[in-house]
Each structure stands twice: as C-alpha cells, then as structure tokens.
Amino acid sequence: MQDFCKFDTAHSSCPSQQPLTLAQMLWNWYTIDACFLASSWHIKTKGMFAASCIGVILLVVALEFFRRMGKEYDAYILRQYTRRAASLRHVARDSYNNSKTNSAYEYSEGGCGPDAACAPALLRQQYITFRASPAQQLTRGAIHAVTFGLGYIIMLLAMYFNGFIIISIIIGAFIGKVLCDWMVVRLPLVGEGVEGPNNEAEGISEPTVCCG
C-alpha cells in the first residue's frame, strides 16, 4: 500500500487506500506520520524522525561548509593574483627607477628649470586586471550552485513549520558557524586597519544564501 503526503488543514480522514500523513503549513509538533518534501519521506517511527532531525542538522552544517569553501577558494585565487601583481610591480618599479635616473641626468645636463618644457613628466597610475580562468570560474560556479541548492532545500523544509525541524535548522546553523567559520583577523602592528577586502570581517555580511 502506497503512502501519499497530503496537507491536512481540516484534520479530515483519508480513504483507507491512502493513509493520512500529517503535513500542513501551520505551526505544528508532528512526529509520527509527518511528511517532508516527498511521499518517500514519510515518518513512521520515532527513530526515523530522530534520524531526520539529525540529517537536517548535518544538511545545514554542509551549507555552512560550502559557504566557507566558496570564500576560501576566492581568497586562494586572490592570493595568486596578488603574488602575480607583486612580481609585475617589482618589474615596473625597476623600469620607473631607471627612467627616473635617465630623466634626472637629462634634466641636469640640459639646464632646464623646474617649469621648463623638458622637465620629466609625472607617471600616471597603472592598474592590472586579472580574470578567473575558465576552470576557476567553473569551480566557483559549482560551489555556488551546491550552496544555493542546499539553501533552498533547507528553506522548503522550514516551510513545513514543524517545530522540531526548525529547531534542528537553528542547531545546524549554530554548529556550522562554529566549526566552519571561525573568525580570524590579522591586525598590523604598524599602522591601522584590518586585513581583508574593504576592511570588512568575512562571514558577517551574508546571514543566509537560501534566497539567492
């Protein structure tokens, strides 16, 4: 006999060939006969419900893990760009110093004053633009897609308004934040500021990704 999930808003009885499963979009504390997402996820015993709560906790922890993985992968790519930019900056500095020495020599030999037309021109600021490689961008997209999908699954589970499931989601968010997003900040001993993009501590600006 096949079980079917039905929304029971009036607590009406079901035909004998379709046993009632308790799934309604009102706050509830259902355990036995609760149903989530699909007819195959039909709680028949207390052990199944306990396993479902543990699974929801692990699902939220996985969401926090992939969120952290996305941040760490972006930071890894940024470190590669920074090292590459540092090497190019060193070459540019040597070229600038050489041109500055030659300009100073011409300046002293030609007898030009500070307002003369032959005075050395000031160099304009230059920028280096890096783009992620196709492989890097595909990896970023895959991590984001997994994170996005997990967030929506958790959102759909919360929409069943089951108190135990919502408590499990909150517990999973707490455990995931503690384990996967331990805050580490590097402060310079000389000068001011916090190391990081835009001086903003990572992990605070994004409370959730379940809605994009």
Protein backbone atom coordinates (compact mmCIF):
# COMPACT_ATOMS: atom_id res chain seq x y z
CA MET A 1 0.00 0.00 0.00
CA GLN A 2 1.45 3.34 -1.10
CA ASP A 3 1.54 6.37 1.18
CA PHE A 4 0.69 9.84 -0.06
CA CYS A 5 1.58 13.18 1.52
CA LYS A 6 -1.44 15.42 1.91
CA PHE A 7 -1.93 18.80 3.53
CA ASP A 8 -4.35 18.21 6.38
CA THR A 9 -5.76 21.60 7.29
CA ALA A 10 -9.13 20.33 8.49
CA HIS A 11 -7.88 17.07 10.08
CA SER A 12 -10.31 15.15 7.88
CA SER A 13 -10.00 11.43 7.45
CA CYS A 14 -8.50 9.87 4.33
CA PRO A 15 -9.69 6.87 2.37
CA SER A 16 -8.28 3.57 3.53
CA GLN A 17 -6.17 3.16 0.39
CA GLN A 18 -4.41 6.50 1.05
CA PRO A 19 -3.34 6.75 4.71
CA LEU A 20 -3.15 10.26 6.11
CA THR A 21 0.26 11.81 6.54
CA LEU A 22 0.43 14.92 8.66
CA ALA A 23 1.85 17.78 6.61
CA GLN A 24 0.33 21.23 6.97
CA MET A 25 1.58 24.78 6.57
CA LEU A 26 0.72 25.76 10.13
CA TRP A 27 2.95 25.58 13.18
CA ASN A 28 2.96 22.01 14.45
CA TRP A 29 4.90 19.48 16.51
CA TYR A 30 4.07 16.38 14.47
CA THR A 31 6.42 13.41 14.73
CA ILE A 32 4.80 10.13 13.66
CA ASP A 33 3.18 10.31 10.21
CA ALA A 34 4.87 13.63 9.45
CA CYS A 35 5.87 14.03 5.82
CA PHE A 36 8.53 16.24 4.21
CA LEU A 37 9.28 17.14 0.59
CA ALA A 38 8.17 13.81 -0.94
CA SER A 39 5.93 10.83 -0.24
CA SER A 40 9.01 8.70 0.37
CA TRP A 41 9.98 10.91 3.32
CA HIS A 42 7.13 9.67 5.50
CA ILE A 43 7.94 9.37 9.20
CA LYS A 44 6.64 6.08 10.55
CA THR A 45 8.67 5.64 13.74
CA LYS A 46 10.32 7.85 16.34
CA GLY A 47 13.69 6.57 15.20
CA MET A 48 13.01 7.79 11.65
CA PHE A 49 12.05 11.20 12.97
CA ALA A 50 15.20 11.42 15.11
CA ALA A 51 17.30 10.45 12.09
CA SER A 52 15.51 13.11 10.04
CA CYS A 53 16.34 15.80 12.62
CA ILE A 54 19.99 14.74 12.65
CA GLY A 55 20.00 14.76 8.85
CA VAL A 56 18.61 18.29 8.79
CA ILE A 57 21.31 19.42 11.22
CA LEU A 58 24.01 17.90 9.00
CA LEU A 59 22.40 19.49 5.94
CA VAL A 60 22.70 22.96 7.47
CA VAL A 61 26.28 22.25 8.56
CA ALA A 62 27.03 21.25 4.95
CA LEU A 63 25.55 24.57 3.80
CA GLU A 64 27.88 26.50 6.10
CA PHE A 65 30.80 24.34 4.92
CA PHE A 66 30.21 25.13 1.25
CA ARG A 67 29.75 28.81 2.06
CA ARG A 68 33.16 28.79 3.72
CA MET A 69 34.63 26.77 0.85
CA GLY A 70 33.47 29.42 -1.62
CA LYS A 71 35.10 32.19 0.41
CA GLU A 72 38.34 30.26 0.84
CA TYR A 73 38.54 29.42 -2.86
CA ASP A 74 38.03 33.08 -3.80
CA ALA A 75 40.71 34.06 -1.27
CA TYR A 76 43.05 31.45 -2.79
CA ILE A 77 42.56 32.89 -6.29
CA LEU A 78 43.07 36.41 -4.92
CA ARG A 79 46.37 35.36 -3.30
CA GLN A 80 47.54 34.05 -6.66
CA TYR A 81 46.67 37.38 -8.30
CA THR A 82 48.39 39.28 -5.51
CA ARG A 83 51.63 37.34 -5.96
CA ARG A 84 51.50 37.85 -9.72
CA ALA A 85 50.80 41.58 -9.28
CA ALA A 86 53.69 41.86 -6.80
CA SER A 87 56.12 40.40 -9.34
CA LEU A 88 54.87 42.71 -12.08
CA ARG A 89 55.01 45.67 -9.69
CA HIS A 90 58.66 44.88 -8.97
CA VAL A 91 59.47 44.94 -12.69
CA ALA A 92 57.56 48.19 -13.15
CA ARG A 93 59.37 49.78 -10.19
CA ASP A 94 62.77 48.90 -11.68
CA SER A 95 61.70 50.35 -15.02
CA TYR A 96 60.47 53.52 -13.31
CA ASN A 97 63.68 53.94 -11.34
CA ASN A 98 65.75 53.58 -14.50
CA SER A 99 63.62 56.10 -16.39
CA LYS A 100 63.76 58.47 -13.41
CA THR A 101 67.56 58.28 -13.35
CA ASN A 102 67.79 58.96 -17.08
CA SER A 103 65.35 61.88 -16.81
CA ALA A 104 67.31 63.40 -13.93
CA TYR A 105 70.51 63.13 -15.96
CA GLU A 106 68.93 64.86 -18.94
CA TYR A 107 67.42 67.45 -16.61
CA SER A 108 70.81 68.35 -15.10
CA GLU A 109 72.71 68.30 -18.39
CA GLY A 110 70.21 70.40 -20.31
CA GLY A 111 70.00 73.10 -17.65
CA CYS A 112 66.19 73.11 -17.68
CA GLY A 113 64.39 74.86 -14.87
CA PRO A 114 61.55 73.29 -12.87
CA ASP A 115 58.97 74.93 -15.16
CA ALA A 116 60.75 74.13 -18.41
CA ALA A 117 59.09 72.04 -21.09
CA CYS A 118 61.89 69.49 -20.93
CA ALA A 119 61.19 68.63 -17.26
CA PRO A 120 60.39 64.90 -16.75
CA ALA A 121 56.67 64.11 -16.93
CA LEU A 122 54.91 62.54 -13.98
CA LEU A 123 53.95 58.91 -14.44
CA ARG A 124 50.25 58.03 -14.24
CA GLN A 125 48.96 55.27 -12.02
CA GLN A 126 48.62 51.95 -13.80
CA TYR A 127 46.33 49.05 -12.94
CA ILE A 128 46.47 45.34 -13.58
CA THR A 129 43.27 43.46 -14.32
CA PHE A 130 43.04 39.72 -13.76
CA ARG A 131 40.20 37.43 -14.78
CA ALA A 132 39.50 33.98 -13.40
CA SER A 133 40.39 31.16 -15.75
CA PRO A 134 37.55 29.02 -17.18
CA ALA A 135 38.42 26.19 -14.79
CA GLN A 136 38.44 28.55 -11.80
CA GLN A 137 35.14 30.12 -12.81
CA LEU A 138 33.51 26.69 -13.33
CA THR A 139 34.70 25.65 -9.87
CA ARG A 140 33.29 28.85 -8.36
CA GLY A 141 30.01 28.24 -10.15
CA ALA A 142 29.79 24.64 -8.93
CA ILE A 143 30.41 25.64 -5.31
CA HIS A 144 27.81 28.39 -5.58
CA ALA A 145 25.26 26.03 -7.17
CA VAL A 146 25.65 23.45 -4.41
CA THR A 147 25.36 26.16 -1.75
CA PHE A 148 22.33 27.66 -3.49
CA GLY A 149 20.61 24.26 -3.78
CA LEU A 150 21.21 23.35 -0.15
CA GLY A 151 19.84 26.71 0.93
CA TYR A 152 16.60 26.22 -0.97
CA ILE A 153 16.12 22.67 0.33
CA ILE A 154 16.51 23.97 3.88
CA MET A 155 14.06 26.77 3.12
CA LEU A 156 11.48 24.25 1.84
CA LEU A 157 11.93 22.14 4.98
CA ALA A 158 11.35 25.21 7.15
CA MET A 159 8.12 25.92 5.25
CA TYR A 160 6.56 22.81 6.79
CA PHE A 161 6.53 24.79 10.07
CA ASN A 162 7.45 21.71 12.09
CA GLY A 163 8.90 22.93 15.39
CA PHE A 164 11.41 20.10 15.69
CA ILE A 165 12.70 20.60 12.15
CA ILE A 166 13.06 24.37 12.64
CA ILE A 167 14.94 23.80 15.91
CA SER A 168 17.19 21.35 14.04
CA ILE A 169 17.88 24.00 11.39
CA ILE A 170 18.86 26.51 14.07
CA ILE A 171 21.11 23.96 15.80
CA GLY A 172 22.74 23.12 12.48
CA ALA A 173 23.35 26.81 11.75
CA PHE A 174 25.00 27.23 15.16
CA ILE A 175 27.23 24.16 14.76
CA GLY A 176 28.10 25.07 11.18
CA LYS A 177 29.06 28.62 12.11
CA VAL A 178 31.25 27.43 14.99
CA LEU A 179 33.00 24.71 13.01
CA CYS A 180 33.22 26.21 9.51
CA ASP A 181 33.50 29.96 10.03
CA TRP A 182 35.92 30.51 12.89
CA MET A 183 36.77 34.21 12.78
CA VAL A 184 40.44 35.01 12.18
CA VAL A 185 41.58 38.62 11.69
CA ARG A 186 45.14 39.86 11.08
CA LEU A 187 45.91 43.27 12.56
CA PRO A 188 49.08 45.14 11.55
CA LEU A 189 51.45 46.16 14.33
CA VAL A 190 52.34 49.32 12.39
CA GLY A 191 49.55 51.46 11.02
CA GLU A 192 45.83 50.97 11.22
CA GLY A 193 43.24 48.84 9.52
CA VAL A 194 42.12 45.24 9.26
CA GLU A 195 43.43 42.96 6.58
CA GLY A 196 40.64 41.92 4.27
CA PRO A 197 38.53 43.24 1.39
CA ASN A 198 37.16 46.70 2.18
CA ASN A 199 38.22 46.22 5.85
CA GLU A 200 35.12 44.10 6.39
CA ALA A 201 35.16 40.97 8.51
CA GLU A 202 34.22 37.99 6.40
CA GLY A 203 31.25 35.86 7.39
CA ILE A 204 29.16 38.72 8.81
CA SER A 205 27.68 40.38 5.74
CA GLU A 206 25.87 37.23 4.49
CA PRO A 207 23.44 35.81 7.06
CA THR A 208 21.94 33.37 4.57
CA VAL A 209 22.08 32.36 0.94
CA CYS A 210 18.85 30.39 0.73
CA CYS A 211 17.08 33.07 -1.29
CA GLY A 212 19.91 33.94 -3.65
